[in-house]
PDB file of N, CA and C in Angstrom:
ATOM      1  N   MET A   1     252.292 -20.817 297.840  1.00  0.00           N
ATOM      2  CA  MET A   1     253.613 -21.209 297.386  1.00  0.00           C
ATOM      3  C   MET A   1     254.111 -22.368 298.246  1.00  0.00           C
ATOM      4  N   ILE A   2     254.680 -23.342 297.626  1.00  0.00           N
ATOM      5  CA  ILE A   2     255.165 -24.527 298.323  1.00  0.00           C
ATOM      6  C   ILE A   2     256.578 -24.283 298.825  1.00  0.00           C
ATOM      7  N   ASP A   3     256.799 -24.542 300.108  1.00  0.00           N
ATOM      8  CA  ASP A   3     258.133 -24.445 300.702  1.00  0.00           C
ATOM      9  C   ASP A   3     258.781 -25.826 300.575  1.00  0.00           C
ATOM     10  N   PHE A   4     259.590 -25.995 299.534  1.00  0.00           N
ATOM     11  CA  PHE A   4     260.167 -27.307 299.240  1.00  0.00           C
ATOM     12  C   PHE A   4     261.141 -27.777 300.308  1.00  0.00           C
ATOM     13  N   LYS A   5     261.806 -26.854 300.968  1.00  0.00           N
ATOM     14  CA  LYS A   5     262.724 -27.230 302.046  1.00  0.00           C
ATOM     15  C   LYS A   5     261.949 -27.874 303.193  1.00  0.00           C
ATOM     16  N   LEU A   6     260.850 -27.234 303.584  1.00  0.00           N
ATOM     17  CA  LEU A   6     260.023 -27.781 304.656  1.00  0.00           C
ATOM     18  C   LEU A   6     259.377 -29.090 304.226  1.00  0.00           C
ATOM     19  N   LEU A   7     258.936 -29.162 302.981  1.00  0.00           N
ATOM     20  CA  LEU A   7     258.349 -30.388 302.460  1.00  0.00           C
ATOM     21  C   LEU A   7     259.362 -31.528 302.508  1.00  0.00           C
ATOM     22  N   GLY A   8     260.621 -31.239 302.149  1.00  0.00           N
ATOM     23  CA  GLY A   8     261.670 -32.259 302.211  1.00  0.00           C
ATOM     24  C   GLY A   8     261.903 -32.743 303.629  1.00  0.00           C
ATOM     25  N   LEU A   9     261.895 -31.818 304.598  1.00  0.00           N
ATOM     26  CA  LEU A   9     262.065 -32.197 305.998  1.00  0.00           C
ATOM     27  C   LEU A   9     260.915 -33.081 306.465  1.00  0.00           C
ATOM     28  N   LEU A  10     259.711 -32.723 306.087  1.00  0.00           N
ATOM     29  CA  LEU A  10     258.550 -33.517 306.498  1.00  0.00           C
ATOM     30  C   LEU A  10     258.586 -34.914 305.886  1.00  0.00           C
ATOM     31  N   ILE A  11     258.986 -35.001 304.634  1.00  0.00           N
ATOM     32  CA  ILE A  11     259.092 -36.311 303.986  1.00  0.00           C
ATOM     33  C   ILE A  11     260.179 -37.149 304.657  1.00  0.00           C
ATOM     34  N   SER A  12     261.310 -36.531 304.993  1.00  0.00           N
ATOM     35  CA  SER A  12     262.388 -37.244 305.696  1.00  0.00           C
ATOM     36  C   SER A  12     261.899 -37.758 307.043  1.00  0.00           C
ATOM     37  N   ALA A  13     261.149 -36.935 307.765  1.00  0.00           N
ATOM     38  CA  ALA A  13     260.627 -37.347 309.063  1.00  0.00           C
ATOM     39  C   ALA A  13     259.652 -38.511 308.911  1.00  0.00           C
ATOM     40  N   MET A  14     258.818 -38.463 307.877  1.00  0.00           N
ATOM     41  CA  MET A  14     257.857 -39.552 307.661  1.00  0.00           C
ATOM     42  C   MET A  14     258.577 -40.844 307.311  1.00  0.00           C
ATOM     43  N   ILE A  15     259.628 -40.753 306.510  1.00  0.00           N
ATOM     44  CA  ILE A  15     260.387 -41.953 306.141  1.00  0.00           C
ATOM     45  C   ILE A  15     261.063 -42.553 307.371  1.00  0.00           C
ATOM     46  N   LEU A  16     261.665 -41.709 308.219  1.00  0.00           N
ATOM     47  CA  LEU A  16     262.312 -42.210 309.430  1.00  0.00           C
ATOM     48  C   LEU A  16     261.285 -42.833 310.366  1.00  0.00           C
ATOM     49  N   THR A  17     260.126 -42.199 310.503  1.00  0.00           N
ATOM     50  CA  THR A  17     259.062 -42.754 311.339  1.00  0.00           C
ATOM     51  C   THR A  17     258.621 -44.112 310.812  1.00  0.00           C
ATOM     52  N   LEU A  18     258.467 -44.228 309.502  1.00  0.00           N
ATOM     53  CA  LEU A  18     258.083 -45.494 308.895  1.00  0.00           C
ATOM     54  C   LEU A  18     259.153 -46.555 309.129  1.00  0.00           C
ATOM     55  N   LEU A  19     260.424 -46.178 308.994  1.00  0.00           N
ATOM     56  CA  LEU A  19     261.528 -47.105 309.224  1.00  0.00           C
ATOM     57  C   LEU A  19     261.526 -47.622 310.664  1.00  0.00           C
ATOM     58  N   ILE A  20     261.400 -46.706 311.621  1.00  0.00           N
ATOM     59  CA  ILE A  20     261.397 -47.109 313.033  1.00  0.00           C
ATOM     60  C   ILE A  20     260.180 -47.970 313.341  1.00  0.00           C
ATOM     61  N   THR A  21     259.012 -47.598 312.810  1.00  0.00           N
ATOM     62  CA  THR A  21     257.798 -48.389 313.030  1.00  0.00           C
ATOM     63  C   THR A  21     257.952 -49.788 312.460  1.00  0.00           C
ATOM     64  N   THR A  22     258.539 -49.898 311.280  1.00  0.00           N
ATOM     65  CA  THR A  22     258.756 -51.202 310.658  1.00  0.00           C
ATOM     66  C   THR A  22     259.703 -52.050 311.493  1.00  0.00           C
ATOM     67  N   ILE A  23     260.767 -51.448 311.988  1.00  0.00           N
ATOM     68  CA  ILE A  23     261.728 -52.174 312.823  1.00  0.00           C
ATOM     69  C   ILE A  23     261.051 -52.660 314.103  1.00  0.00           C
ATOM     70  N   VAL A  24     260.308 -51.771 314.747  1.00  0.00           N
ATOM     71  CA  VAL A  24     259.647 -52.119 316.003  1.00  0.00           C
ATOM     72  C   VAL A  24     258.639 -53.238 315.771  1.00  0.00           C
ATOM     73  N   ASN A  25     257.851 -53.153 314.699  1.00  0.00           N
ATOM     74  CA  ASN A  25     256.871 -54.201 314.417  1.00  0.00           C
ATOM     75  C   ASN A  25     257.549 -55.530 314.123  1.00  0.00           C
ATOM     76  N   ALA A  26     258.655 -55.504 313.392  1.00  0.00           N
ATOM     77  CA  ALA A  26     259.388 -56.730 313.101  1.00  0.00           C
ATOM     78  C   ALA A  26     259.969 -57.325 314.376  1.00  0.00           C
ATOM     79  N   GLN A  27     260.469 -56.457 315.261  1.00  0.00           N
ATOM     80  CA  GLN A  27     261.029 -56.933 316.521  1.00  0.00           C
ATOM     81  C   GLN A  27     259.944 -57.533 317.397  1.00  0.00           C
ATOM     82  N   GLU A  28     258.772 -56.916 317.423  1.00  0.00           N
ATOM     83  CA  GLU A  28     257.683 -57.461 318.233  1.00  0.00           C
ATOM     84  C   GLU A  28     257.312 -58.852 317.751  1.00  0.00           C
ATOM     85  N   SER A  29     257.269 -59.045 316.426  1.00  0.00           N
ATOM     86  CA  SER A  29     256.962 -60.362 315.876  1.00  0.00           C
ATOM     87  C   SER A  29     258.033 -61.361 316.270  1.00  0.00           C
ATOM     88  N   THR A  30     259.298 -60.953 316.203  1.00  0.00           N
ATOM     89  CA  THR A  30     260.410 -61.830 316.563  1.00  0.00           C
ATOM     90  C   THR A  30     260.347 -62.190 318.042  1.00  0.00           C
ATOM     91  N   ILE A  31     260.067 -61.205 318.874  1.00  0.00           N
ATOM     92  CA  ILE A  31     260.004 -61.444 320.319  1.00  0.00           C
ATOM     93  C   ILE A  31     258.888 -62.419 320.653  1.00  0.00           C
ATOM     94  N   VAL A  32     257.723 -62.241 320.043  1.00  0.00           N
ATOM     95  CA  VAL A  32     256.596 -63.136 320.313  1.00  0.00           C
ATOM     96  C   VAL A  32     256.920 -64.535 319.817  1.00  0.00           C
ATOM     97  N   ALA A  33     257.548 -64.635 318.638  1.00  0.00           N
ATOM     98  CA  ALA A  33     257.857 -65.943 318.072  1.00  0.00           C
ATOM     99  C   ALA A  33     258.941 -66.664 318.857  1.00  0.00           C
ATOM    100  N   GLU A  34     259.831 -65.905 319.475  1.00  0.00           N
ATOM    101  CA  GLU A  34     260.909 -66.534 320.224  1.00  0.00           C
ATOM    102  C   GLU A  34     260.543 -66.578 321.703  1.00  0.00           C
ATOM    103  N   ASP A  35     261.344 -65.975 322.528  1.00  0.00           N
ATOM    104  CA  ASP A  35     261.164 -65.978 323.969  1.00  0.00           C
ATOM    105  C   ASP A  35     260.931 -64.552 324.424  1.00  0.00           C
ATOM    106  N   ASN A  36     259.857 -64.308 325.155  1.00  0.00           N
ATOM    107  CA  ASN A  36     259.543 -62.957 325.605  1.00  0.00           C
ATOM    108  C   ASN A  36     260.588 -62.389 326.549  1.00  0.00           C
ATOM    109  N   SER A  37     261.424 -63.218 327.145  1.00  0.00           N
ATOM    110  CA  SER A  37     262.440 -62.723 328.068  1.00  0.00           C
ATOM    111  C   SER A  37     263.657 -62.159 327.323  1.00  0.00           C
ATOM    112  N   ALA A  38     263.814 -62.519 326.049  1.00  0.00           N
ATOM    113  CA  ALA A  38     264.942 -62.031 325.265  1.00  0.00           C
ATOM    114  C   ALA A  38     264.523 -60.787 324.495  1.00  0.00           C
ATOM    115  N   SER A  39     265.231 -59.696 324.709  1.00  0.00           N
ATOM    116  CA  SER A  39     264.919 -58.438 324.050  1.00  0.00           C
ATOM    117  C   SER A  39     265.811 -58.254 322.830  1.00  0.00           C
ATOM    118  N   VAL A  40     265.198 -57.902 321.705  1.00  0.00           N
ATOM    119  CA  VAL A  40     265.940 -57.660 320.477  1.00  0.00           C
ATOM    120  C   VAL A  40     266.407 -56.211 320.469  1.00  0.00           C
ATOM    121  N   GLN A  41     267.677 -56.000 320.154  1.00  0.00           N
ATOM    122  CA  GLN A  41     268.218 -54.649 320.084  1.00  0.00           C
ATOM    123  C   GLN A  41     268.564 -54.302 318.648  1.00  0.00           C
ATOM    124  N   THR A  42     268.262 -53.059 318.288  1.00  0.00           N
ATOM    125  CA  THR A  42     268.612 -52.536 316.974  1.00  0.00           C
ATOM    126  C   THR A  42     269.279 -51.186 317.182  1.00  0.00           C
ATOM    127  N   LEU A  43     270.395 -50.960 316.495  1.00  0.00           N
ATOM    128  CA  LEU A  43     271.094 -49.690 316.554  1.00  0.00           C
ATOM    129  C   LEU A  43     271.028 -49.051 315.173  1.00  0.00           C
ATOM    130  N   ILE A  44     270.462 -47.855 315.113  1.00  0.00           N
ATOM    131  CA  ILE A  44     270.426 -47.086 313.872  1.00  0.00           C
ATOM    132  C   ILE A  44     271.537 -46.050 313.972  1.00  0.00           C
ATOM    133  N   ILE A  45     272.432 -46.046 312.984  1.00  0.00           N
ATOM    134  CA  ILE A  45     273.541 -45.089 313.012  1.00  0.00           C
ATOM    135  C   ILE A  45     273.430 -44.114 311.843  1.00  0.00           C
ATOM    136  N   ASN A  46     274.028 -42.948 312.022  1.00  0.00           N
ATOM    137  CA  ASN A  46     274.032 -41.887 311.007  1.00  0.00           C
ATOM    138  C   ASN A  46     272.630 -41.384 310.681  1.00  0.00           C
ATOM    139  N   ALA A  47     271.739 -41.420 311.664  1.00  0.00           N
ATOM    140  CA  ALA A  47     270.365 -40.950 311.460  1.00  0.00           C
ATOM    141  C   ALA A  47     270.300 -39.440 311.651  1.00  0.00           C
ATOM    142  N   ARG A  48     269.502 -38.795 310.837  1.00  0.00           N
ATOM    143  CA  ARG A  48     269.231 -37.363 311.002  1.00  0.00           C
ATOM    144  C   ARG A  48     267.763 -37.249 311.364  1.00  0.00           C
ATOM    145  N   ILE A  49     267.473 -36.630 312.485  1.00  0.00           N
ATOM    146  CA  ILE A  49     266.132 -36.632 313.069  1.00  0.00           C
ATOM    147  C   ILE A  49     265.444 -35.291 312.882  1.00  0.00           C
ATOM    148  N   PHE A  50     264.160 -35.344 312.538  1.00  0.00           N
ATOM    149  CA  PHE A  50     263.305 -34.158 312.526  1.00  0.00           C
ATOM    150  C   PHE A  50     262.620 -34.118 313.885  1.00  0.00           C
ATOM    151  N   ASN A  51     262.895 -33.083 314.683  1.00  0.00           N
ATOM    152  CA  ASN A  51     262.374 -33.042 316.047  1.00  0.00           C
ATOM    153  C   ASN A  51     261.051 -32.299 316.182  1.00  0.00           C
ATOM    154  N   GLY A  52     260.544 -31.744 315.109  1.00  0.00           N
ATOM    155  CA  GLY A  52     259.256 -31.064 315.167  1.00  0.00           C
ATOM    156  C   GLY A  52     259.346 -29.633 315.675  1.00  0.00           C
ATOM    157  N   VAL A  53     260.502 -29.214 316.142  1.00  0.00           N
ATOM    158  CA  VAL A  53     260.690 -27.861 316.663  1.00  0.00           C
ATOM    159  C   VAL A  53     261.488 -27.028 315.666  1.00  0.00           C
ATOM    160  N   SER A  54     262.582 -27.599 315.183  1.00  0.00           N
ATOM    161  CA  SER A  54     263.466 -26.908 314.257  1.00  0.00           C
ATOM    162  C   SER A  54     263.104 -27.285 312.826  1.00  0.00           C
ATOM    163  N   GLU A  55     263.376 -26.399 311.893  1.00  0.00           N
ATOM    164  CA  GLU A  55     263.156 -26.721 310.487  1.00  0.00           C
ATOM    165  C   GLU A  55     264.277 -27.587 309.933  1.00  0.00           C
ATOM    166  N   LYS A  56     265.375 -27.698 310.682  1.00  0.00           N
ATOM    167  CA  LYS A  56     266.526 -28.462 310.220  1.00  0.00           C
ATOM    168  C   LYS A  56     266.546 -29.844 310.870  1.00  0.00           C
ATOM    169  N   LEU A  57     267.098 -30.796 310.138  1.00  0.00           N
ATOM    170  CA  LEU A  57     267.330 -32.113 310.713  1.00  0.00           C
ATOM    171  C   LEU A  57     268.524 -32.031 311.655  1.00  0.00           C
ATOM    172  N   THR A  58     268.569 -32.910 312.641  1.00  0.00           N
ATOM    173  CA  THR A  58     269.707 -32.941 313.553  1.00  0.00           C
ATOM    174  C   THR A  58     270.951 -33.406 312.806  1.00  0.00           C
ATOM    175  N   ASP A  59     272.097 -33.213 313.440  1.00  0.00           N
ATOM    176  CA  ASP A  59     273.318 -33.802 312.913  1.00  0.00           C
ATOM    177  C   ASP A  59     273.195 -35.314 313.037  1.00  0.00           C
ATOM    178  N   SER A  60     274.130 -36.023 312.472  1.00  0.00           N
ATOM    179  CA  SER A  60     274.128 -37.476 312.512  1.00  0.00           C
ATOM    180  C   SER A  60     274.039 -37.988 313.955  1.00  0.00           C
ATOM    181  N   MET A  61     273.106 -38.909 314.204  1.00  0.00           N
ATOM    182  CA  MET A  61     272.890 -39.447 315.547  1.00  0.00           C
ATOM    183  C   MET A  61     272.832 -40.969 315.509  1.00  0.00           C
ATOM    184  N   SER A  62     273.000 -41.568 316.678  1.00  0.00           N
ATOM    185  CA  SER A  62     272.802 -43.003 316.863  1.00  0.00           C
ATOM    186  C   SER A  62     271.547 -43.188 317.708  1.00  0.00           C
ATOM    187  N   ILE A  63     270.744 -44.187 317.348  1.00  0.00           N
ATOM    188  CA  ILE A  63     269.504 -44.455 318.066  1.00  0.00           C
ATOM    189  C   ILE A  63     269.495 -45.930 318.452  1.00  0.00           C
ATOM    190  N   MET A  64     269.372 -46.217 319.751  1.00  0.00           N
ATOM    191  CA  MET A  64     269.297 -47.600 320.226  1.00  0.00           C
ATOM    192  C   MET A  64     267.842 -47.931 320.502  1.00  0.00           C
ATOM    193  N   ILE A  65     267.378 -49.023 319.915  1.00  0.00           N
ATOM    194  CA  ILE A  65     266.016 -49.507 320.140  1.00  0.00           C
ATOM    195  C   ILE A  65     266.143 -50.852 320.842  1.00  0.00           C
ATOM    196  N   ASP A  66     265.517 -50.957 321.991  1.00  0.00           N
ATOM    197  CA  ASP A  66     265.549 -52.188 322.781  1.00  0.00           C
ATOM    198  C   ASP A  66     264.127 -52.723 322.843  1.00  0.00           C
ATOM    199  N   GLY A  67     263.896 -53.836 322.152  1.00  0.00           N
ATOM    200  CA  GLY A  67     262.531 -54.354 322.068  1.00  0.00           C
ATOM    201  C   GLY A  67     261.718 -53.423 321.188  1.00  0.00           C
ATOM    202  N   ASN A  68     260.724 -52.775 321.798  1.00  0.00           N
ATOM    203  CA  ASN A  68     259.905 -51.843 321.027  1.00  0.00           C
ATOM    204  C   ASN A  68     260.008 -50.417 321.566  1.00  0.00           C
ATOM    205  N   LYS A  69     261.095 -50.127 322.273  1.00  0.00           N
ATOM    206  CA  LYS A  69     261.287 -48.798 322.851  1.00  0.00           C
ATOM    207  C   LYS A  69     262.626 -48.205 322.446  1.00  0.00           C
ATOM    208  N   ILE A  70     262.610 -46.909 322.145  1.00  0.00           N
ATOM    209  CA  ILE A  70     263.857 -46.195 321.927  1.00  0.00           C
ATOM    210  C   ILE A  70     264.452 -45.948 323.307  1.00  0.00           C
ATOM    211  N   THR A  71     265.639 -46.513 323.545  1.00  0.00           N
ATOM    212  CA  THR A  71     266.242 -46.407 324.878  1.00  0.00           C
ATOM    213  C   THR A  71     267.348 -45.372 324.954  1.00  0.00           C
ATOM    214  N   ARG A  72     267.900 -44.986 323.793  1.00  0.00           N
ATOM    215  CA  ARG A  72     268.987 -44.013 323.833  1.00  0.00           C
ATOM    216  C   ARG A  72     269.145 -43.355 322.472  1.00  0.00           C
ATOM    217  N   MET A  73     269.397 -42.046 322.504  1.00  0.00           N
ATOM    218  CA  MET A  73     269.738 -41.289 321.301  1.00  0.00           C
ATOM    219  C   MET A  73     270.976 -40.488 321.646  1.00  0.00           C
ATOM    220  N   SER A  74     271.964 -40.484 320.750  1.00  0.00           N
ATOM    221  CA  SER A  74     273.224 -39.824 321.067  1.00  0.00           C
ATOM    222  C   SER A  74     273.892 -39.291 319.805  1.00  0.00           C
ATOM    223  N   VAL A  75     274.570 -38.143 319.948  1.00  0.00           N
ATOM    224  CA  VAL A  75     275.373 -37.624 318.838  1.00  0.00           C
ATOM    225  C   VAL A  75     276.741 -38.297 318.806  1.00  0.00           C
ATOM    226  N   THR A  76     277.100 -38.966 319.895  1.00  0.00           N
ATOM    227  CA  THR A  76     278.339 -39.745 319.917  1.00  0.00           C
ATOM    228  C   THR A  76     277.993 -41.205 319.627  1.00  0.00           C
ATOM    229  N   PRO A  77     278.911 -41.953 319.038  1.00  0.00           N
ATOM    230  CA  PRO A  77     278.623 -43.352 318.703  1.00  0.00           C
ATOM    231  C   PRO A  77     278.227 -44.173 319.931  1.00  0.00           C
ATOM    232  N   ILE A  78     277.290 -45.071 319.737  1.00  0.00           N
ATOM    233  CA  ILE A  78     276.855 -45.996 320.787  1.00  0.00           C
ATOM    234  C   ILE A  78     277.487 -47.344 320.473  1.00  0.00           C
ATOM    235  N   LYS A  79     278.144 -47.945 321.461  1.00  0.00           N
ATOM    236  CA  LYS A  79     278.760 -49.247 321.254  1.00  0.00           C
ATOM    237  C   LYS A  79     277.688 -50.327 321.413  1.00  0.00           C
ATOM    238  N   PRO A  80     277.414 -51.091 320.351  1.00  0.00           N
ATOM    239  CA  PRO A  80     276.368 -52.111 320.437  1.00  0.00           C
ATOM    240  C   PRO A  80     276.840 -53.374 321.151  1.00  0.00           C
ATOM    241  N   ALA A  81     275.907 -54.033 321.796  1.00  0.00           N
ATOM    242  CA  ALA A  81     276.190 -55.336 322.400  1.00  0.00           C
ATOM    243  C   ALA A  81     276.252 -56.386 321.293  1.00  0.00           C
ATOM    244  N   ALA A  82     276.838 -57.518 321.596  1.00  0.00           N
ATOM    245  CA  ALA A  82     276.901 -58.621 320.624  1.00  0.00           C
ATOM    246  C   ALA A  82     275.485 -59.008 320.217  1.00  0.00           C
ATOM    247  N   GLY A  83     275.277 -59.226 318.935  1.00  0.00           N
ATOM    248  CA  GLY A  83     273.967 -59.649 318.447  1.00  0.00           C
ATOM    249  C   GLY A  83     273.024 -58.509 318.105  1.00  0.00           C
ATOM    250  N   THR A  84     273.452 -57.272 318.316  1.00  0.00           N
ATOM    251  CA  THR A  84     272.594 -56.123 318.002  1.00  0.00           C
ATOM    252  C   THR A  84     272.562 -55.931 316.489  1.00  0.00           C
ATOM    253  N   ALA A  85     271.344 -55.788 315.945  1.00  0.00           N
ATOM    254  CA  ALA A  85     271.199 -55.482 314.523  1.00  0.00           C
ATOM    255  C   ALA A  85     271.570 -54.026 314.303  1.00  0.00           C
ATOM    256  N   ILE A  86     272.328 -53.744 313.254  1.00  0.00           N
ATOM    257  CA  ILE A  86     272.784 -52.376 312.991  1.00  0.00           C
ATOM    258  C   ILE A  86     272.265 -51.935 311.624  1.00  0.00           C
ATOM    259  N   ILE A  87     271.658 -50.755 311.608  1.00  0.00           N
ATOM    260  CA  ILE A  87     271.164 -50.155 310.363  1.00  0.00           C
ATOM    261  C   ILE A  87     271.902 -48.845 310.157  1.00  0.00           C
ATOM    262  N   ASP A  88     272.623 -48.735 309.048  1.00  0.00           N
ATOM    263  CA  ASP A  88     273.346 -47.511 308.716  1.00  0.00           C
ATOM    264  C   ASP A  88     272.515 -46.744 307.704  1.00  0.00           C
ATOM    265  N   THR A  89     272.065 -45.537 308.056  1.00  0.00           N
ATOM    266  CA  THR A  89     271.181 -44.775 307.181  1.00  0.00           C
ATOM    267  C   THR A  89     271.906 -44.035 306.062  1.00  0.00           C
ATOM    268  N   LYS A  90     273.236 -44.104 306.045  1.00  0.00           N
ATOM    269  CA  LYS A  90     273.980 -43.437 304.957  1.00  0.00           C
ATOM    270  C   LYS A  90     273.882 -44.222 303.696  1.00  0.00           C
TER     271      LYS A  90
END
């Protein structure tokens, strides 16, 4: 029997992983094309994360990506610096 709730969570996690991977790859290309000393920042807001432990997605979170690394995850809003790309998942 297929557990559709779990299947939905897994699909959501795969989509978020694909989104983050795409952002990171695009940022790496931008960084190489521009100046390696300048780090590109992306803020994802209203993200619901599958943590691999719980069957439920987290509440709405903010995720800061600096260059190709996730530098901060928070349930409270993160104030972006000027020039930060913002992706709203809602």
